[in-house]
C-alpha atoms as a PDB file:
ATOM      1  CA  MET A   1      77.270 110.984  86.416  1.00  0.00           C
ATOM      2  CA  ARG A   2      79.247 111.622  89.545  1.00  0.00           C
ATOM      3  CA  ILE A   3      83.112 111.549  89.460  1.00  0.00           C
ATOM      4  CA  VAL A   4      85.147 111.772  92.748  1.00  0.00           C
ATOM      5  CA  ASN A   5      88.920 111.831  92.837  1.00  0.00           C
ATOM      6  CA  LEU A   6      89.825 109.626  95.591  1.00  0.00           C
ATOM      7  CA  ILE A   7      93.708 110.037  95.422  1.00  0.00           C
ATOM      8  CA  GLU A   8      96.292 112.001  93.429  1.00  0.00           C
ATOM      9  CA  ASN A   9      99.420 113.957  94.022  1.00  0.00           C
ATOM     10  CA  THR A  10      97.869 116.736  95.832  1.00  0.00           C
ATOM     11  CA  GLN A  11      95.525 116.640  99.073  1.00  0.00           C
ATOM     12  CA  GLY A  12      92.156 117.620  97.564  1.00  0.00           C
ATOM     13  CA  ALA A  13      89.421 117.683 100.254  1.00  0.00           C
ATOM     14  CA  GLU A  14      90.444 118.815 103.738  1.00  0.00           C
ATOM     15  CA  GLY A  15      91.806 115.964 105.788  1.00  0.00           C
ATOM     16  CA  CYS A  16      92.344 113.546 102.759  1.00  0.00           C
ATOM     17  CA  LEU A  17      95.495 111.762 102.044  1.00  0.00           C
ATOM     18  CA  TRP A  18      97.655 112.160  98.937  1.00  0.00           C
ATOM     19  CA  GLU A  19     100.306 110.152  97.163  1.00  0.00           C
ATOM     20  CA  HIS A  20     101.921 109.622  93.837  1.00  0.00           C
ATOM     21  CA  GLY A  21      99.141 107.688  92.282  1.00  0.00           C
ATOM     22  CA  LEU A  22      95.532 108.026  91.006  1.00  0.00           C
ATOM     23  CA  SER A  23      92.010 106.686  91.799  1.00  0.00           C
ATOM     24  CA  PHE A  24      88.525 107.797  90.754  1.00  0.00           C
ATOM     25  CA  TYR A  25      85.176 106.723  91.973  1.00  0.00           C
ATOM     26  CA  ILE A  26      82.603 107.076  89.160  1.00  0.00           C
ATOM     27  CA  GLU A  27      78.784 106.638  89.538  1.00  0.00           C
ATOM     28  CA  THR A  28      76.634 106.361  86.616  1.00  0.00           C
ATOM     29  CA  GLY A  29      73.004 105.507  86.256  1.00  0.00           C
ATOM     30  CA  ASN A  30      73.970 101.752  85.985  1.00  0.00           C
ATOM     31  CA  HIS A  31      77.290 101.363  87.678  1.00  0.00           C
ATOM     32  CA  LYS A  32      79.495 102.189  90.645  1.00  0.00           C
ATOM     33  CA  ILE A  33      83.004 101.985  89.225  1.00  0.00           C
ATOM     34  CA  LEU A  34      86.354 102.385  90.770  1.00  0.00           C
ATOM     35  CA  ALA A  35      88.968 103.463  88.229  1.00  0.00           C
ATOM     36  CA  ASP A  36      92.454 102.703  89.500  1.00  0.00           C
ATOM     37  CA  THR A  37      93.437 102.453  93.178  1.00  0.00           C
ATOM     38  CA  GLY A  38      96.512 104.529  93.625  1.00  0.00           C
ATOM     39  CA  ALA A  39      99.800 103.229  95.200  1.00  0.00           C
ATOM     40  CA  SER A  40      98.336 102.137  98.568  1.00  0.00           C
ATOM     41  CA  ASP A  41      95.127 101.807 100.589  1.00  0.00           C
ATOM     42  CA  ALA A  42      95.093 105.699 100.997  1.00  0.00           C
ATOM     43  CA  PHE A  43      92.374 105.835  98.432  1.00  0.00           C
ATOM     44  CA  ALA A  44      90.080 103.563 100.490  1.00  0.00           C
ATOM     45  CA  ARG A  45      90.678 105.727 103.558  1.00  0.00           C
ATOM     46  CA  ASN A  46      89.747 108.934 101.501  1.00  0.00           C
ATOM     47  CA  ALA A  47      86.615 106.977 100.323  1.00  0.00           C
ATOM     48  CA  ASP A  48      85.667 106.374 103.943  1.00  0.00           C
ATOM     49  CA  LYS A  49      86.283 110.082 104.797  1.00  0.00           C
ATOM     50  CA  LEU A  50      84.254 111.187 101.703  1.00  0.00           C
ATOM     51  CA  GLY A  51      81.257 108.950 102.491  1.00  0.00           C
ATOM     52  CA  ILE A  52      81.859 106.515  99.623  1.00  0.00           C
ATOM     53  CA  ASP A  53      81.027 102.910 100.316  1.00  0.00           C
ATOM     54  CA  LEU A  54      83.461 100.801  98.311  1.00  0.00           C
ATOM     55  CA  GLY A  55      81.531  97.733  99.142  1.00  0.00           C
ATOM     56  CA  GLN A  56      78.896  98.974  96.735  1.00  0.00           C
ATOM     57  CA  VAL A  57      81.273  99.083  93.769  1.00  0.00           C
ATOM     58  CA  ASP A  58      80.285  96.796  91.064  1.00  0.00           C
ATOM     59  CA  THR A  59      83.231  97.232  88.539  1.00  0.00           C
ATOM     60  CA  ALA A  60      86.902  98.061  89.128  1.00  0.00           C
ATOM     61  CA  VAL A  61      89.216  99.001  86.285  1.00  0.00           C
ATOM     62  CA  ILE A  62      92.933  99.287  86.403  1.00  0.00           C
ATOM     63  CA  SER A  63      94.226 101.417  83.588  1.00  0.00           C
ATOM     64  CA  HIS A  64      97.770  99.951  83.406  1.00  0.00           C
ATOM     65  CA  GLY A  65     100.301  97.842  85.171  1.00  0.00           C
ATOM     66  CA  HIS A  66     102.050 100.416  87.496  1.00  0.00           C
ATOM     67  CA  TYR A  67     102.071 100.394  91.187  1.00  0.00           C
ATOM     68  CA  ASP A  68     100.668 103.808  91.438  1.00  0.00           C
ATOM     69  CA  HIS A  69      97.520 102.820  89.678  1.00  0.00           C
ATOM     70  CA  ALA A  70      97.025  99.289  91.070  1.00  0.00           C
ATOM     71  CA  GLY A  71      98.889  99.314  94.436  1.00  0.00           C
ATOM     72  CA  GLY A  72      95.650  99.561  96.381  1.00  0.00           C
ATOM     73  CA  LEU A  73      93.838  96.722  94.556  1.00  0.00           C
ATOM     74  CA  LEU A  74      94.430  94.156  97.333  1.00  0.00           C
ATOM     75  CA  ALA A  75      92.934  96.601  99.802  1.00  0.00           C
ATOM     76  CA  PHE A  76      89.990  97.111  97.624  1.00  0.00           C
ATOM     77  CA  ALA A  77      89.555  93.301  97.046  1.00  0.00           C
ATOM     78  CA  ALA A  78      89.501  92.805 100.871  1.00  0.00           C
ATOM     79  CA  ARG A  79      86.613  95.410 101.176  1.00  0.00           C
ATOM     80  CA  ASN A  80      84.591  94.361  98.215  1.00  0.00           C
ATOM     81  CA  ARG A  81      84.132  90.774  97.356  1.00  0.00           C
ATOM     82  CA  LYS A  82      81.709  91.155  94.525  1.00  0.00           C
ATOM     83  CA  ALA A  83      82.988  93.741  92.081  1.00  0.00           C
ATOM     84  CA  ARG A  84      84.431  92.378  88.735  1.00  0.00           C
ATOM     85  CA  ILE A  85      88.014  93.611  88.337  1.00  0.00           C
ATOM     86  CA  TRP A  86      89.126  94.424  84.711  1.00  0.00           C
ATOM     87  CA  ILE A  87      92.747  94.567  83.967  1.00  0.00           C
ATOM     88  CA  GLN A  88      94.420  94.676  80.608  1.00  0.00           C
ATOM     89  CA  ARG A  89      96.440  91.468  80.107  1.00  0.00           C
ATOM     90  CA  LEU A  90      99.817  93.148  79.722  1.00  0.00           C
ATOM     91  CA  ALA A  91      99.432  94.765  83.127  1.00  0.00           C
ATOM     92  CA  GLY A  92     101.093  91.784  84.765  1.00  0.00           C
ATOM     93  CA  GLU A  93     104.188  92.300  82.951  1.00  0.00           C
ATOM     94  CA  PRO A  94     107.388  93.352  84.899  1.00  0.00           C
ATOM     95  CA  TYR A  95     107.731  97.241  84.622  1.00  0.00           C
ATOM     96  CA  TYR A  96     110.951  99.071  85.806  1.00  0.00           C
ATOM     97  CA  HIS A  97     112.009 102.685  86.019  1.00  0.00           C
ATOM     98  CA  LYS A  98     115.441 102.856  84.761  1.00  0.00           C
ATOM     99  CA  SER A  99     117.832 105.767  85.215  1.00  0.00           C
ATOM    100  CA  ALA A 100     121.618 106.422  85.397  1.00  0.00           C
ATOM    101  CA  VAL A 101     121.596 105.892  89.024  1.00  0.00           C
ATOM    102  CA  GLU A 102     118.881 103.182  89.650  1.00  0.00           C
ATOM    103  CA  GLU A 103     116.579 100.499  88.388  1.00  0.00           C
ATOM    104  CA  ARG A 104     113.317 100.238  90.348  1.00  0.00           C
ATOM    105  CA  TYR A 105     110.386  97.828  89.934  1.00  0.00           C
ATOM    106  CA  ILE A 106     107.236  99.905  89.274  1.00  0.00           C
ATOM    107  CA  GLY A 107     104.982  97.131  88.204  1.00  0.00           C
ATOM    108  CA  ILE A 108     101.963  95.721  90.221  1.00  0.00           C
ATOM    109  CA  ASP A 109     102.219  93.334  93.154  1.00  0.00           C
ATOM    110  CA  PRO A 110     102.188  89.746  91.629  1.00  0.00           C
ATOM    111  CA  ARG A 111      99.507  88.731  94.242  1.00  0.00           C
ATOM    112  CA  ILE A 112      97.036  90.908  92.217  1.00  0.00           C
ATOM    113  CA  MET A 113      97.339  88.538  89.295  1.00  0.00           C
ATOM    114  CA  GLU A 114      96.035  85.763  91.523  1.00  0.00           C
ATOM    115  CA  LEU A 115      92.721  87.552  92.572  1.00  0.00           C
ATOM    116  CA  PRO A 116      89.727  85.089  91.407  1.00  0.00           C
ATOM    117  CA  ARG A 117      87.731  88.019  90.216  1.00  0.00           C
ATOM    118  CA  ILE A 118      90.091  89.463  87.700  1.00  0.00           C
ATOM    119  CA  GLU A 119      88.604  89.669  84.017  1.00  0.00           C
ATOM    120  CA  TRP A 120      91.563  89.923  81.596  1.00  0.00           C
ATOM    121  CA  LEU A 121      91.190  92.421  78.707  1.00  0.00           C
ATOM    122  CA  GLU A 122      92.819  91.810  75.358  1.00  0.00           C
ATOM    123  CA  GLN A 123      91.655  95.134  73.866  1.00  0.00           C
ATOM    124  CA  TYR A 124      89.125  97.494  75.310  1.00  0.00           C
ATOM    125  CA  LEU A 125      86.038  97.493  77.518  1.00  0.00           C
ATOM    126  CA  VAL A 126      82.673  99.172  77.116  1.00  0.00           C
ATOM    127  CA  LEU A 127      80.771  99.445  80.369  1.00  0.00           C
ATOM    128  CA  GLU A 128      77.919 101.547  79.162  1.00  0.00           C
ATOM    129  CA  GLU A 129      76.787 102.707  75.804  1.00  0.00           C
ATOM    130  CA  ASP A 130      76.306 106.455  75.383  1.00  0.00           C
ATOM    131  CA  GLY A 131      72.831 107.301  76.027  1.00  0.00           C
END
């Protein structure tokens, strides 16, 4: 198994971008998986820099409905037209960060909900059995 951190809050590999968010590329014997997409397309630019072809990903999984985990999903869908995209059904709900000074939307872009390849999860997903 190979796991590559594509984006997080720190730079990582020299020349890579960073942002508030998270994205991993996971390669197993049977799958090439994208787990989350960070807040923007920066994860994809890092994938290019690291020699990872996002067009070869067969499965994308979004962990939850916050922009910093799904914000790059539209960029991924434009680069990869074959991967199944798994999202927990409640991810499309409106999520807000509320504090004493502000209320800010932190949910996912509503256009994501219209992507034709989305597979909605009600509970959990097993991609591979332990082996």
